[in-house]
PDB file of N, CA and C in Angstrom:
ATOM      1  N   MET A   1     -15.562 -26.087  -9.815  1.00  0.00           N
ATOM      2  CA  MET A   1     -14.589 -25.201  -9.031  1.00  0.00           C
ATOM      3  C   MET A   1     -14.892 -23.747  -9.273  1.00  0.00           C
ATOM      4  N   ALA A   2     -14.920 -22.854  -8.262  1.00  0.00           N
ATOM      5  CA  ALA A   2     -15.107 -21.407  -8.412  1.00  0.00           C
ATOM      6  C   ALA A   2     -13.903 -20.665  -9.152  1.00  0.00           C
ATOM      7  N   LYS A   3     -14.427 -19.583  -9.680  1.00  0.00           N
ATOM      8  CA  LYS A   3     -13.370 -18.710 -10.415  1.00  0.00           C
ATOM      9  C   LYS A   3     -13.099 -17.463  -9.505  1.00  0.00           C
ATOM     10  N   LEU A   4     -11.791 -16.972  -9.694  1.00  0.00           N
ATOM     11  CA  LEU A   4     -11.551 -15.790  -8.930  1.00  0.00           C
ATOM     12  C   LEU A   4     -11.397 -14.545  -9.985  1.00  0.00           C
ATOM     13  N   LYS A   5     -12.040 -13.453  -9.640  1.00  0.00           N
ATOM     14  CA  LYS A   5     -11.769 -12.122 -10.471  1.00  0.00           C
ATOM     15  C   LYS A   5     -10.830 -11.374  -9.659  1.00  0.00           C
ATOM     16  N   ILE A   6      -9.553 -11.403 -10.351  1.00  0.00           N
ATOM     17  CA  ILE A   6      -8.360 -10.533  -9.850  1.00  0.00           C
ATOM     18  C   ILE A   6      -8.308  -9.156 -10.538  1.00  0.00           C
ATOM     19  N   THR A   7      -8.319  -8.143  -9.851  1.00  0.00           N
ATOM     20  CA  THR A   7      -8.130  -6.824 -10.261  1.00  0.00           C
ATOM     21  C   THR A   7      -7.067  -5.933  -9.731  1.00  0.00           C
ATOM     22  N   GLN A   8      -6.142  -5.505 -10.605  1.00  0.00           N
ATOM     23  CA  GLN A   8      -5.123  -4.597 -10.076  1.00  0.00           C
ATOM     24  C   GLN A   8      -5.631  -3.234  -9.516  1.00  0.00           C
ATOM     25  N   ILE A   9      -5.211  -2.914  -8.637  1.00  0.00           N
ATOM     26  CA  ILE A   9      -5.770  -1.605  -8.025  1.00  0.00           C
ATOM     27  C   ILE A   9      -4.537  -0.696  -7.680  1.00  0.00           C
ATOM     28  N   LYS A  10      -3.477  -1.089  -7.638  1.00  0.00           N
ATOM     29  CA  LYS A  10      -2.160  -0.157  -7.499  1.00  0.00           C
ATOM     30  C   LYS A  10      -1.241  -0.399  -8.519  1.00  0.00           C
ATOM     31  N   SER A  11      -0.271   0.559  -8.727  1.00  0.00           N
ATOM     32  CA  SER A  11       0.823   0.540  -9.761  1.00  0.00           C
ATOM     33  C   SER A  11       1.834  -0.388  -9.221  1.00  0.00           C
ATOM     34  N   THR A  12       2.647  -0.995 -10.085  1.00  0.00           N
ATOM     35  CA  THR A  12       3.930  -1.785  -9.802  1.00  0.00           C
ATOM     36  C   THR A  12       5.237  -0.974  -9.851  1.00  0.00           C
ATOM     37  N   ILE A  13       4.944   0.462  -9.893  1.00  0.00           N
ATOM     38  CA  ILE A  13       6.214   1.310  -9.894  1.00  0.00           C
ATOM     39  C   ILE A  13       6.630   1.233  -8.467  1.00  0.00           C
ATOM     40  N   GLY A  14       7.998   0.761  -8.306  1.00  0.00           N
ATOM     41  CA  GLY A  14       8.807   1.020  -6.941  1.00  0.00           C
ATOM     42  C   GLY A  14       8.535  -0.479  -6.426  1.00  0.00           C
ATOM     43  N   CYS A  15       7.937  -1.511  -6.996  1.00  0.00           N
ATOM     44  CA  CYS A  15       7.726  -2.628  -6.398  1.00  0.00           C
ATOM     45  C   CYS A  15       8.855  -3.510  -6.660  1.00  0.00           C
ATOM     46  N   LYS A  16       9.130  -4.767  -6.047  1.00  0.00           N
ATOM     47  CA  LYS A  16      10.270  -5.622  -6.338  1.00  0.00           C
ATOM     48  C   LYS A  16      10.031  -6.298  -7.562  1.00  0.00           C
ATOM     49  N   ASP A  17      11.051  -6.766  -8.234  1.00  0.00           N
ATOM     50  CA  ASP A  17      11.086  -7.342  -9.666  1.00  0.00           C
ATOM     51  C   ASP A  17      10.121  -8.667  -9.649  1.00  0.00           C
ATOM     52  N   TYR A  18      10.110  -9.514  -8.381  1.00  0.00           N
ATOM     53  CA  TYR A  18       9.173 -10.786  -8.389  1.00  0.00           C
ATOM     54  C   TYR A  18       7.856 -10.326  -8.416  1.00  0.00           C
ATOM     55  N   GLN A  19       7.438  -9.159  -7.598  1.00  0.00           N
ATOM     56  CA  GLN A  19       6.067  -8.850  -7.609  1.00  0.00           C
ATOM     57  C   GLN A  19       5.516  -8.238  -9.007  1.00  0.00           C
ATOM     58  N   LYS A  20       6.455  -7.631  -9.743  1.00  0.00           N
ATOM     59  CA  LYS A  20       5.917  -7.317 -11.011  1.00  0.00           C
ATOM     60  C   LYS A  20       5.847  -8.336 -12.066  1.00  0.00           C
ATOM     61  N   ALA A  21       6.697  -9.380 -11.712  1.00  0.00           N
ATOM     62  CA  ALA A  21       6.604 -10.650 -12.588  1.00  0.00           C
ATOM     63  C   ALA A  21       5.272 -11.347 -12.199  1.00  0.00           C
ATOM     64  N   THR A  22       4.958 -11.460 -11.008  1.00  0.00           N
ATOM     65  CA  THR A  22       3.805 -12.190 -10.542  1.00  0.00           C
ATOM     66  C   THR A  22       2.516 -11.408 -11.096  1.00  0.00           C
ATOM     67  N   ILE A  23       2.432 -10.118 -11.230  1.00  0.00           N
ATOM     68  CA  ILE A  23       1.260  -9.358 -11.889  1.00  0.00           C
ATOM     69  C   ILE A  23       1.316  -9.621 -13.185  1.00  0.00           C
ATOM     70  N   LYS A  24       2.457  -9.672 -13.857  1.00  0.00           N
ATOM     71  CA  LYS A  24       2.502  -9.886 -15.269  1.00  0.00           C
ATOM     72  C   LYS A  24       2.028 -11.258 -15.535  1.00  0.00           C
ATOM     73  N   SER A  25       2.282 -12.207 -14.795  1.00  0.00           N
ATOM     74  CA  SER A  25       1.867 -13.750 -14.863  1.00  0.00           C
ATOM     75  C   SER A  25       0.544 -13.865 -14.717  1.00  0.00           C
ATOM     76  N   LEU A  26      -0.076 -12.940 -13.779  1.00  0.00           N
ATOM     77  CA  LEU A  26      -1.536 -13.001 -13.713  1.00  0.00           C
ATOM     78  C   LEU A  26      -2.431 -12.557 -14.780  1.00  0.00           C
ATOM     79  N   GLY A  27      -1.706 -11.925 -15.643  1.00  0.00           N
ATOM     80  CA  GLY A  27      -2.330 -11.324 -16.928  1.00  0.00           C
ATOM     81  C   GLY A  27      -2.866  -9.880 -16.742  1.00  0.00           C
ATOM     82  N   LEU A  28      -2.179  -9.276 -15.903  1.00  0.00           N
ATOM     83  CA  LEU A  28      -2.487  -7.883 -15.400  1.00  0.00           C
ATOM     84  C   LEU A  28      -1.465  -6.796 -16.108  1.00  0.00           C
ATOM     85  N   ARG A  29      -1.809  -5.803 -16.530  1.00  0.00           N
ATOM     86  CA  ARG A  29      -0.877  -4.729 -17.131  1.00  0.00           C
ATOM     87  C   ARG A  29      -1.302  -3.355 -16.810  1.00  0.00           C
ATOM     88  N   LYS A  30      -2.241  -3.134 -16.435  1.00  0.00           N
ATOM     89  CA  LYS A  30      -2.935  -1.731 -16.188  1.00  0.00           C
ATOM     90  C   LYS A  30      -3.680  -1.712 -14.855  1.00  0.00           C
ATOM     91  N   ILE A  31      -3.859  -0.601 -14.353  1.00  0.00           N
ATOM     92  CA  ILE A  31      -4.579  -0.458 -13.015  1.00  0.00           C
ATOM     93  C   ILE A  31      -6.259  -0.655 -13.423  1.00  0.00           C
ATOM     94  N   ARG A  32      -6.803  -1.217 -12.758  1.00  0.00           N
ATOM     95  CA  ARG A  32      -8.260  -1.407 -13.077  1.00  0.00           C
ATOM     96  C   ARG A  32      -8.528  -2.611 -14.156  1.00  0.00           C
ATOM     97  N   GLN A  33      -7.387  -3.260 -14.401  1.00  0.00           N
ATOM     98  CA  GLN A  33      -7.639  -4.352 -15.298  1.00  0.00           C
ATOM     99  C   GLN A  33      -7.927  -5.656 -14.534  1.00  0.00           C
ATOM    100  N   SER A  34      -8.675  -6.411 -15.079  1.00  0.00           N
ATOM    101  CA  SER A  34      -9.081  -7.640 -14.499  1.00  0.00           C
ATOM    102  C   SER A  34      -8.834  -8.969 -15.180  1.00  0.00           C
ATOM    103  N   ALA A  35      -8.543 -10.135 -14.380  1.00  0.00           N
ATOM    104  CA  ALA A  35      -8.589 -11.295 -15.243  1.00  0.00           C
ATOM    105  C   ALA A  35      -9.131 -12.339 -14.172  1.00  0.00           C
ATOM    106  N   GLU A  36      -9.608 -13.463 -14.891  1.00  0.00           N
ATOM    107  CA  GLU A  36     -10.309 -14.498 -14.168  1.00  0.00           C
ATOM    108  C   GLU A  36      -9.435 -15.750 -14.066  1.00  0.00           C
ATOM    109  N   TRP A  37      -9.549 -16.339 -13.104  1.00  0.00           N
ATOM    110  CA  TRP A  37      -8.607 -17.613 -12.838  1.00  0.00           C
ATOM    111  C   TRP A  37      -9.435 -18.594 -12.125  1.00  0.00           C
ATOM    112  N   GLU A  38      -9.176 -19.833 -12.352  1.00  0.00           N
ATOM    113  CA  GLU A  38      -9.557 -20.859 -11.547  1.00  0.00           C
ATOM    114  C   GLU A  38      -8.920 -20.786 -10.074  1.00  0.00           C
ATOM    115  N   ASP A  39      -9.706 -21.183  -9.057  1.00  0.00           N
ATOM    116  CA  ASP A  39      -9.321 -21.194  -7.745  1.00  0.00           C
ATOM    117  C   ASP A  39      -8.540 -22.338  -7.287  1.00  0.00           C
ATOM    118  N   THR A  40      -6.999 -22.255  -7.414  1.00  0.00           N
ATOM    119  CA  THR A  40      -6.242 -23.313  -7.255  1.00  0.00           C
ATOM    120  C   THR A  40      -5.183 -22.771  -6.174  1.00  0.00           C
ATOM    121  N   PRO A  41      -4.617 -23.680  -5.433  1.00  0.00           N
ATOM    122  CA  PRO A  41      -3.462 -23.224  -4.529  1.00  0.00           C
ATOM    123  C   PRO A  41      -2.356 -22.352  -4.999  1.00  0.00           C
ATOM    124  N   GLN A  42      -2.122 -22.604  -6.360  1.00  0.00           N
ATOM    125  CA  GLN A  42      -0.988 -21.900  -7.055  1.00  0.00           C
ATOM    126  C   GLN A  42      -1.325 -20.514  -7.334  1.00  0.00           C
ATOM    127  N   VAL A  43      -2.535 -20.383  -7.737  1.00  0.00           N
ATOM    128  CA  VAL A  43      -2.995 -18.904  -7.926  1.00  0.00           C
ATOM    129  C   VAL A  43      -3.190 -18.205  -6.626  1.00  0.00           C
ATOM    130  N   ARG A  44      -3.778 -18.839  -5.585  1.00  0.00           N
ATOM    131  CA  ARG A  44      -3.833 -18.260  -4.277  1.00  0.00           C
ATOM    132  C   ARG A  44      -2.480 -17.753  -3.792  1.00  0.00           C
ATOM    133  N   GLY A  45      -1.470 -18.605  -4.028  1.00  0.00           N
ATOM    134  CA  GLY A  45      -0.199 -18.166  -3.738  1.00  0.00           C
ATOM    135  C   GLY A  45       0.290 -16.895  -4.348  1.00  0.00           C
ATOM    136  N   MET A  46       0.075 -16.802  -5.655  1.00  0.00           N
ATOM    137  CA  MET A  46       0.446 -15.615  -6.386  1.00  0.00           C
ATOM    138  C   MET A  46      -0.149 -14.348  -5.831  1.00  0.00           C
ATOM    139  N   ILE A  47      -1.577 -14.577  -5.567  1.00  0.00           N
ATOM    140  CA  ILE A  47      -2.315 -13.321  -5.060  1.00  0.00           C
ATOM    141  C   ILE A  47      -1.620 -13.106  -3.568  1.00  0.00           C
ATOM    142  N   GLN A  48      -1.215 -13.960  -2.896  1.00  0.00           N
ATOM    143  CA  GLN A  48      -0.858 -13.777  -1.438  1.00  0.00           C
ATOM    144  C   GLN A  48       0.512 -12.787  -1.669  1.00  0.00           C
ATOM    145  N   LYS A  49       1.319 -13.064  -2.710  1.00  0.00           N
ATOM    146  CA  LYS A  49       2.616 -12.253  -2.905  1.00  0.00           C
ATOM    147  C   LYS A  49       2.247 -10.715  -3.289  1.00  0.00           C
ATOM    148  N   VAL A  50       1.114 -10.706  -3.953  1.00  0.00           N
ATOM    149  CA  VAL A  50       0.937  -9.247  -4.491  1.00  0.00           C
ATOM    150  C   VAL A  50      -0.438  -8.798  -3.799  1.00  0.00           C
ATOM    151  N   ARG A  51      -0.838  -9.239  -2.643  1.00  0.00           N
ATOM    152  CA  ARG A  51      -2.019  -8.786  -2.115  1.00  0.00           C
ATOM    153  C   ARG A  51      -2.404  -7.402  -1.901  1.00  0.00           C
ATOM    154  N   HIS A  52      -1.244  -6.767  -1.803  1.00  0.00           N
ATOM    155  CA  HIS A  52      -1.313  -5.119  -1.462  1.00  0.00           C
ATOM    156  C   HIS A  52      -1.684  -4.373  -2.839  1.00  0.00           C
ATOM    157  N   LEU A  53      -1.576  -5.034  -4.039  1.00  0.00           N
ATOM    158  CA  LEU A  53      -1.760  -4.498  -5.362  1.00  0.00           C
ATOM    159  C   LEU A  53      -3.040  -4.958  -6.023  1.00  0.00           C
ATOM    160  N   VAL A  54      -3.728  -5.837  -5.469  1.00  0.00           N
ATOM    161  CA  VAL A  54      -4.801  -6.302  -6.251  1.00  0.00           C
ATOM    162  C   VAL A  54      -6.257  -6.593  -5.254  1.00  0.00           C
ATOM    163  N   THR A  55      -7.304  -6.733  -5.878  1.00  0.00           N
ATOM    164  CA  THR A  55      -8.343  -7.104  -5.010  1.00  0.00           C
ATOM    165  C   THR A  55      -8.883  -8.368  -5.731  1.00  0.00           C
ATOM    166  N   VAL A  56      -9.552  -9.255  -4.871  1.00  0.00           N
ATOM    167  CA  VAL A  56     -10.048 -10.531  -5.419  1.00  0.00           C
ATOM    168  C   VAL A  56     -11.399 -10.812  -5.060  1.00  0.00           C
ATOM    169  N   GLU A  57     -12.186 -11.211  -6.018  1.00  0.00           N
ATOM    170  CA  GLU A  57     -13.564 -11.414  -5.852  1.00  0.00           C
ATOM    171  C   GLU A  57     -13.749 -12.824  -6.270  1.00  0.00           C
ATOM    172  N   GLU A  58     -14.779 -13.711  -5.586  1.00  0.00           N
ATOM    173  CA  GLU A  58     -15.029 -15.010  -6.005  1.00  0.00           C
ATOM    174  C   GLU A  58     -16.396 -14.866  -7.050  1.00  0.00           C
ATOM    175  N   VAL A  59     -16.225 -15.378  -8.341  1.00  0.00           N
ATOM    176  CA  VAL A  59     -17.201 -15.464  -9.358  1.00  0.00           C
ATOM    177  C   VAL A  59     -17.897 -16.809  -9.428  1.00  0.00           C
ATOM    178  N   ARG A  60     -19.098 -16.757  -9.185  1.00  0.00           N
ATOM    179  CA  ARG A  60     -19.975 -17.937  -9.445  1.00  0.00           C
ATOM    180  C   ARG A  60     -20.339 -18.134 -10.855  1.00  0.00           C
ATOM    181  N   SER A  61     -19.949 -19.424 -11.491  1.00  0.00           N
ATOM    182  CA  SER A  61     -20.320 -19.531 -12.791  1.00  0.00           C
ATOM    183  C   SER A  61     -21.431 -20.407 -13.106  1.00  0.00           C
TER     184      SER A  61
END
C-alpha cells in the first residue's frame, strides 16, 4: 500500500475547531512540518477536510 506525505502549508489561526483537531490528529503542529500516513479512506477523508491547509504527496516505499 502506498504512503502519503502530508505537509502543513498554512496556519490554523482563524480555522474552525474541527479543522484544528484534524490537523493535530494528522500529527502536524507547525507550518512546513510533514507526517507520513498509509493511504486509507479514513486518512483521505481527514485530508479532504483540511485540503486548503496541507499539501499531499505520494511516497513510494
